Protein backbone atom coordinates (compact mmCIF):
# COMPACT_ATOMS: atom_id res chain seq x y z
CA UNK A 1 95.32 142.25 319.79
CA UNK A 2 93.67 145.35 318.39
CA UNK A 3 92.97 146.13 315.14
CA UNK A 4 91.58 148.13 312.88
CA UNK A 5 87.92 148.08 311.39
CA UNK A 6 87.91 148.66 307.80
CA UNK A 7 84.69 150.45 306.15
CA UNK A 8 83.49 147.74 304.46
CA UNK A 9 83.58 145.96 308.37
CA UNK A 10 86.34 143.34 307.50
CA UNK A 11 89.56 143.24 309.44
CA UNK A 12 92.41 146.48 309.21
CA UNK A 13 95.86 146.29 310.58
CA UNK A 14 96.71 146.17 314.52
CA UNK A 15 98.59 148.85 316.11
CA UNK A 16 101.62 146.58 315.35
CA UNK A 17 101.42 146.08 311.81
CA UNK A 18 100.21 150.38 311.96
CA UNK A 19 103.92 150.57 313.84
CA UNK A 20 106.12 147.94 311.12
CA UNK A 21 103.94 150.19 307.95
CA UNK A 22 105.15 153.17 309.09
CA UNK A 23 108.82 152.21 309.75
CA UNK A 24 109.30 150.57 306.21
CA UNK A 25 107.32 153.52 304.68
CA UNK A 26 109.77 156.38 306.73
CA UNK A 27 112.66 154.57 305.08
CA UNK A 28 111.01 154.70 301.28
CA UNK A 29 110.26 158.49 301.78
CA UNK A 30 114.12 158.57 302.64
CA UNK A 31 114.91 156.48 299.71
CA UNK A 32 112.58 158.48 296.79
CA UNK A 33 114.12 161.54 298.47
CA UNK A 34 117.38 161.25 297.87
CA UNK A 35 116.72 159.20 293.91
CA UNK A 36 114.89 163.28 293.02
CA UNK A 37 118.22 164.47 294.99
CA UNK A 38 120.93 162.33 293.21
CA UNK A 39 119.24 161.12 290.07
CA UNK A 40 116.48 163.98 288.50
CA UNK A 41 113.24 162.09 287.27
CA UNK A 42 114.68 158.43 287.69
CA UNK A 43 111.69 156.13 289.30
CA UNK A 44 111.57 155.75 292.62
CA UNK A 45 111.93 152.05 294.13
CA UNK A 46 108.72 150.59 293.93
CA UNK A 47 107.06 150.01 297.41
CA UNK A 48 104.24 147.51 298.19
CA UNK A 49 102.97 147.92 301.75
CA UNK A 50 100.76 144.69 301.99
CA UNK A 51 103.04 142.55 300.63
CA UNK A 52 105.38 143.62 302.58
CA UNK A 53 103.52 143.43 305.32
CA UNK A 54 102.47 139.73 304.80
CA UNK A 55 105.82 138.62 303.79
CA UNK A 56 107.11 140.34 306.56
CA UNK A 57 104.83 139.28 309.35
CA UNK A 58 104.33 142.23 311.24
CA UNK A 59 102.69 140.70 313.48
CA UNK A 60 105.94 138.96 314.72
CA UNK A 61 107.83 142.29 314.92
CA UNK A 62 108.79 143.97 318.44
CA UNK A 63 106.58 147.17 318.86
CA UNK A 64 109.49 148.48 321.17
CA UNK A 65 111.52 148.15 318.08
CA UNK A 66 110.11 148.89 314.80
CA UNK A 67 109.33 152.34 316.92
CA UNK A 68 112.85 152.18 317.72
CA UNK A 69 114.05 151.92 313.88
CA UNK A 70 110.94 154.22 312.39
CA UNK A 71 112.61 156.40 315.16
CA UNK A 72 115.97 156.50 313.72
CA UNK A 73 114.36 156.48 309.96
CA UNK A 74 112.38 160.13 310.59
CA UNK A 75 115.74 161.14 311.96
CA UNK A 76 117.53 160.41 309.05
CA UNK A 77 114.37 161.88 306.32
CA UNK A 78 114.48 164.96 308.33
CA UNK A 79 118.15 165.49 308.29
CA UNK A 80 118.00 165.26 304.64
CA UNK A 81 115.18 167.14 304.15
CA UNK A 82 117.22 169.51 306.18
CA UNK A 83 119.64 169.76 303.48
CA UNK A 84 117.25 170.24 300.64
CA UNK A 85 118.49 173.66 298.65
CA UNK A 86 115.80 176.06 297.41
CA UNK A 87 116.68 175.14 294.00
CA UNK A 88 116.25 171.53 294.43
CA UNK A 89 112.76 171.33 296.14
CA UNK A 90 111.35 171.38 292.05
CA UNK A 91 113.37 167.50 291.36
CA UNK A 92 111.36 164.66 290.84
CA UNK A 93 111.27 161.37 289.98
CA UNK A 94 109.01 159.11 288.61
CA UNK A 95 106.45 157.22 291.47
CA UNK A 96 104.54 154.16 290.28
CA UNK A 97 101.32 155.29 290.54
CA UNK A 98 101.45 159.20 291.12
CA UNK A 99 103.49 159.71 288.34
CA UNK A 100 106.32 162.85 288.57
CA UNK A 101 106.70 163.87 291.70
CA UNK A 102 108.73 166.92 293.25
CA UNK A 103 110.68 167.18 296.63
CA UNK A 104 108.74 168.93 297.71
CA UNK A 105 105.34 166.66 297.13
CA UNK A 106 107.09 163.71 299.15
CA UNK A 107 107.81 165.84 302.42
CA UNK A 108 104.06 166.84 301.83
CA UNK A 109 103.39 162.74 301.07
CA UNK A 110 105.20 161.83 304.52
CA UNK A 111 103.05 164.60 306.56
CA UNK A 112 99.80 162.54 305.07
CA UNK A 113 100.74 160.12 305.43
CA UNK A 114 101.09 160.13 309.30
CA UNK A 115 98.37 162.08 310.00
CA UNK A 116 96.50 159.14 308.08
CA UNK A 117 97.69 156.66 310.39
CA UNK A 118 97.42 159.17 313.26
CA UNK A 119 93.90 159.17 312.24
CA UNK A 120 93.73 154.90 312.08
CA UNK A 121 95.44 154.45 314.94
CA UNK A 122 93.14 156.79 316.99
CA UNK A 123 90.29 154.18 315.48
CA UNK A 124 91.98 151.86 317.33
CA UNK A 125 92.63 153.02 320.82
CA UNK A 126 88.70 154.78 320.89
CA UNK A 127 87.95 150.99 321.02
CA UNK A 128 89.84 149.94 324.11
């Protein structure tokens, strides 16, 4: 199984774990977006990715199914971002570790998160 290696040399996530993580985090970004739009200034749902990966045993999942769910979740997220009105980009919610987070910042975090995991997948595949 292809696995990333953390900078300290310990084992990181496999390709399947990364895809499952992306699938699940995509849903979290949508929940954060909806929360900020509908419940201004309320706490976002807490998500602990490491715990979820272990609890759900990501490596036992189907890669094809995980990618399909990611695609569906991404499509829903994009559709929702397209409905955001100009005054709503400043609506906020409370992230458990980042604090007050605007709708615009949720979009930025989504893009940054994607980039982080694209780099991670590139590292994994470069070791083939």
